[in-house]
Amino acid sequence: MHVRCLALAAILLAPLATPLEAGLFGVPKFKVERSDNRFSSNGLTTYSGMWNRISKKSLAGGTHIDSSGVFVEPVAIKKADSTTVALSFFIHNDVSDGTGLGAALTLGEPQRISFVTGEGTLIQLPISRGERRWSDITAYNSVTRTVSTGVWETGFAEVTSEQYQRIMNAPQLLARIEGDKRRMTYEAKDISKTFQINLKAFWADYAAGRK
């Protein structure tokens, strides 16, 4: 398998929480997980960021008060000598869908994510392997009389070292994510304060040194 596909495979095989299983009191602290490469024949290690939500603003125009929303997770694949050989974003929209307003929170299959950094050209990253998955858990709200189930919309976007640094260092970052059902634009005021901080921390500890 090509090294640029390894990050996606590693993440999609990991046991991530569905929207209905995730926390109810906001997003957990950003962390990085390392792949178990003890049985790897190629000596590559994948470092995957978790809980890097781009904004509290929801696709429906409201505010996420739990740990749902759109996440842009940095991913780096490194050789045994610590050289980074591939860099990417794992993008997922963790929400619920059902008979209430849930459908307004979904993108459909993710297709593209774009960034305006205030300098240089627009950064447009096509999203590959876009898909939608549903949770096995169904919830019923007796007050609103609605039924909902968790939806996990995922995709994978390759990013260059230069693009990554422009995004993490942008003084006024704007972003837009597009799916086959709808798109969402995040103005600078909408971007979470921790979003670029997390990208910078990941870069310094896991991604710098890419060749």
Protein backbone atom coordinates (compact mmCIF):
# COMPACT_ATOMS: atom_id res chain seq x y z
CA MET A 1 0.00 0.00 0.00
CA HIS A 2 1.28 3.49 -0.84
CA VAL A 3 2.48 5.40 2.25
CA ARG A 4 -0.03 8.20 1.54
CA CYS A 5 -2.87 5.73 2.10
CA LEU A 6 -1.48 4.29 5.32
CA ALA A 7 -2.64 7.16 7.50
CA LEU A 8 -6.23 6.78 6.36
CA ALA A 9 -6.18 3.02 6.85
CA ALA A 10 -4.69 3.35 10.31
CA ILE A 11 -7.31 5.84 11.43
CA LEU A 12 -10.34 4.16 9.94
CA LEU A 13 -9.41 0.92 11.67
CA ALA A 14 -9.09 2.65 15.04
CA PRO A 15 -11.98 2.44 17.53
CA LEU A 16 -13.23 6.04 17.48
CA ALA A 17 -16.32 7.17 19.37
CA THR A 18 -19.56 7.78 17.52
CA PRO A 19 -21.48 11.05 18.12
CA LEU A 20 -23.91 9.45 20.55
CA GLU A 21 -21.05 7.82 22.47
CA ALA A 22 -18.90 10.95 22.71
CA GLY A 23 -18.75 13.32 25.64
CA LEU A 24 -21.60 15.65 26.57
CA PHE A 25 -19.51 18.45 28.04
CA GLY A 26 -17.40 19.75 25.21
CA VAL A 27 -14.39 18.48 23.34
CA PRO A 28 -11.72 16.56 25.27
CA LYS A 29 -8.18 17.90 25.32
CA PHE A 30 -6.23 17.45 22.09
CA LYS A 31 -3.99 14.40 22.07
CA VAL A 32 -1.91 12.38 19.66
CA GLU A 33 -2.03 8.63 19.22
CA ARG A 34 0.82 6.52 17.84
CA SER A 35 0.17 3.46 15.73
CA ASP A 36 1.31 0.07 16.97
CA ASN A 37 3.96 -0.87 14.43
CA ARG A 38 5.38 -3.89 16.23
CA PHE A 39 4.06 -6.10 13.44
CA SER A 40 4.77 -3.64 10.63
CA SER A 41 7.03 -4.82 7.84
CA ASN A 42 7.78 -1.34 6.50
CA GLY A 43 8.94 0.34 9.71
CA LEU A 44 6.54 3.28 9.33
CA THR A 45 4.77 4.86 12.28
CA THR A 46 1.55 6.89 12.05
CA TYR A 47 0.90 9.77 14.47
CA SER A 48 -2.74 10.85 14.55
CA GLY A 49 -4.17 13.92 16.25
CA MET A 50 -7.52 13.61 18.01
CA TRP A 51 -10.17 16.15 19.09
CA ASN A 52 -9.02 19.06 16.90
CA ARG A 53 -12.45 20.59 16.22
CA ILE A 54 -12.36 23.45 13.75
CA SER A 55 -15.29 25.37 15.28
CA LYS A 56 -18.12 25.25 17.80
CA LYS A 57 -20.39 26.61 15.08
CA SER A 58 -22.68 23.91 13.72
CA LEU A 59 -23.77 23.38 10.14
CA ALA A 60 -27.30 24.31 11.22
CA GLY A 61 -26.10 27.71 12.47
CA GLY A 62 -26.21 26.93 16.16
CA THR A 63 -23.46 26.06 18.62
CA HIS A 64 -22.12 22.65 19.56
CA ILE A 65 -22.21 22.28 23.35
CA ASP A 66 -21.03 18.67 23.33
CA SER A 67 -18.16 16.97 21.51
CA SER A 68 -19.84 16.83 18.10
CA GLY A 69 -18.93 18.86 15.03
CA VAL A 70 -16.34 18.99 12.27
CA PHE A 71 -12.80 17.89 13.14
CA VAL A 72 -9.62 18.35 11.11
CA GLU A 73 -7.05 15.99 12.58
CA PRO A 74 -3.37 16.22 11.57
CA VAL A 75 -1.68 12.97 10.59
CA ALA A 76 2.01 12.27 9.99
CA ILE A 77 3.70 9.09 8.79
CA LYS A 78 7.34 8.78 9.81
CA LYS A 79 10.25 6.46 9.10
CA ALA A 80 12.33 4.86 11.80
CA ASP A 81 14.84 7.74 11.46
CA SER A 82 12.01 10.21 12.29
CA THR A 83 11.80 11.56 8.75
CA THR A 84 8.21 12.48 7.89
CA VAL A 85 7.23 10.88 4.58
CA ALA A 86 3.55 11.86 4.39
CA LEU A 87 1.37 14.56 5.92
CA SER A 88 -2.40 14.78 5.80
CA PHE A 89 -5.65 15.77 7.49
CA PHE A 90 -8.22 13.24 8.61
CA ILE A 91 -11.55 15.09 8.39
CA HIS A 92 -14.68 13.88 10.13
CA ASN A 93 -18.06 15.35 10.95
CA ASP A 94 -19.48 13.69 14.07
CA VAL A 95 -23.17 14.48 14.49
CA SER A 96 -26.57 12.85 14.73
CA ASP A 97 -29.29 12.41 12.16
CA GLY A 98 -32.94 11.54 12.51
CA THR A 99 -36.50 12.82 12.58
CA GLY A 100 -35.59 16.10 14.29
CA LEU A 101 -33.13 18.73 13.07
CA GLY A 102 -30.28 16.22 12.83
CA ALA A 103 -30.16 16.16 9.03
CA ALA A 104 -29.27 19.87 9.00
CA LEU A 105 -26.01 18.98 10.74
CA THR A 106 -24.74 16.64 8.05
CA LEU A 107 -22.42 17.38 5.10
CA GLY A 108 -22.95 14.21 3.13
CA GLU A 109 -19.77 12.63 1.82
CA PRO A 110 -16.93 15.16 2.39
CA GLN A 111 -15.44 16.36 -0.90
CA ARG A 112 -13.18 19.36 -0.32
CA ILE A 113 -11.78 21.62 2.37
CA SER A 114 -10.38 25.08 1.59
CA PHE A 115 -8.45 27.66 3.61
CA VAL A 116 -7.86 31.40 3.19
CA THR A 117 -4.71 32.38 5.07
CA GLY A 118 -4.43 36.06 4.17
CA GLU A 119 -1.28 35.57 2.11
CA GLY A 120 -0.54 33.45 -0.89
CA THR A 121 -3.10 31.64 -2.97
CA LEU A 122 -6.24 29.89 -1.77
CA ILE A 123 -5.48 26.43 -0.37
CA GLN A 124 -7.92 23.87 -1.75
CA LEU A 125 -7.55 20.28 -0.64
CA PRO A 126 -9.63 17.57 -2.30
CA ILE A 127 -10.98 14.99 0.14
CA SER A 128 -10.59 11.38 -0.91
CA ARG A 129 -12.24 8.23 0.44
CA GLY A 130 -15.28 10.25 1.54
CA GLU A 131 -17.93 8.14 3.23
CA ARG A 132 -20.82 8.17 5.71
CA ARG A 133 -21.23 5.65 8.50
CA TRP A 134 -24.07 5.24 10.98
CA SER A 135 -23.94 4.19 14.60
CA ASP A 136 -25.65 1.03 15.78
CA ILE A 137 -27.05 3.07 18.68
CA THR A 138 -30.42 4.78 18.26
CA ALA A 139 -31.73 7.34 20.75
CA TYR A 140 -35.33 8.38 21.36
CA ASN A 141 -36.22 11.76 22.89
CA SER A 142 -39.53 11.42 24.70
CA VAL A 143 -39.90 15.21 25.01
CA THR A 144 -39.48 16.09 21.35
CA ARG A 145 -40.65 12.64 20.19
CA THR A 146 -37.75 12.32 17.78
CA VAL A 147 -35.44 9.44 16.96
CA SER A 148 -31.78 9.97 16.13
CA THR A 149 -28.68 7.97 15.36
CA GLY A 150 -25.02 8.93 15.20
CA VAL A 151 -23.52 9.79 11.82
CA TRP A 152 -19.80 9.80 11.08
CA GLU A 153 -18.83 11.53 7.81
CA THR A 154 -15.17 11.04 7.02
CA GLY A 155 -12.51 11.79 4.45
CA PHE A 156 -8.79 12.17 3.94
CA ALA A 157 -6.92 15.18 2.50
CA GLU A 158 -3.25 15.23 1.65
CA VAL A 159 -1.44 18.45 2.57
CA THR A 160 2.06 19.69 1.79
CA SER A 161 4.47 20.96 4.40
CA GLU A 162 4.14 24.51 3.05
CA GLN A 163 0.33 24.38 3.08
CA TYR A 164 0.25 22.99 6.61
CA GLN A 165 2.49 25.77 7.93
CA ARG A 166 0.46 28.46 6.17
CA ILE A 167 -2.72 27.12 7.76
CA MET A 168 -1.29 26.86 11.27
CA ASN A 169 0.37 30.31 11.12
CA ALA A 170 -2.42 32.28 9.40
CA PRO A 171 -3.24 35.43 11.45
CA GLN A 172 -6.84 35.47 10.16
CA LEU A 173 -7.78 31.95 9.08
CA LEU A 174 -10.98 31.27 7.12
CA ALA A 175 -12.12 27.79 6.14
CA ARG A 176 -14.81 26.11 4.07
CA ILE A 177 -15.74 22.44 4.04
CA GLU A 178 -17.89 20.94 1.29
CA GLY A 179 -19.86 17.72 1.13
CA ASP A 180 -22.20 16.34 -1.48
CA LYS A 181 -25.21 17.63 0.51
CA ARG A 182 -24.09 21.03 1.81
CA ARG A 183 -21.11 23.20 2.60
CA MET A 184 -20.08 25.29 5.57
CA THR A 185 -17.94 28.45 5.75
CA TYR A 186 -16.11 29.34 8.95
CA GLU A 187 -15.15 32.99 9.29
CA ALA A 188 -12.09 33.95 11.32
CA LYS A 189 -14.28 34.63 14.36
CA ASP A 190 -15.75 31.11 14.11
CA ILE A 191 -12.45 29.19 14.17
CA SER A 192 -11.77 27.60 17.56
CA LYS A 193 -8.92 29.26 19.45
CA THR A 194 -7.29 25.89 19.98
CA PHE A 195 -7.46 24.81 16.34
CA GLN A 196 -4.21 26.40 15.15
CA ILE A 197 -2.57 25.92 18.54
CA ASN A 198 -3.09 22.17 18.19
CA LEU A 199 -1.77 22.18 14.63
CA LYS A 200 1.37 24.02 15.76
CA ALA A 201 1.97 21.60 18.63
CA PHE A 202 1.56 18.63 16.31
CA TRP A 203 3.92 20.17 13.77
CA ALA A 204 6.63 20.83 16.34
CA ASP A 205 6.44 17.39 17.94
CA TYR A 206 5.55 15.07 15.05
CA ALA A 207 5.60 16.62 11.57
CA ALA A 208 8.59 18.97 11.27
CA GLY A 209 11.42 17.58 9.22
CA ARG A 210 9.34 16.28 6.33
CA LYS A 211 11.35 15.68 3.16
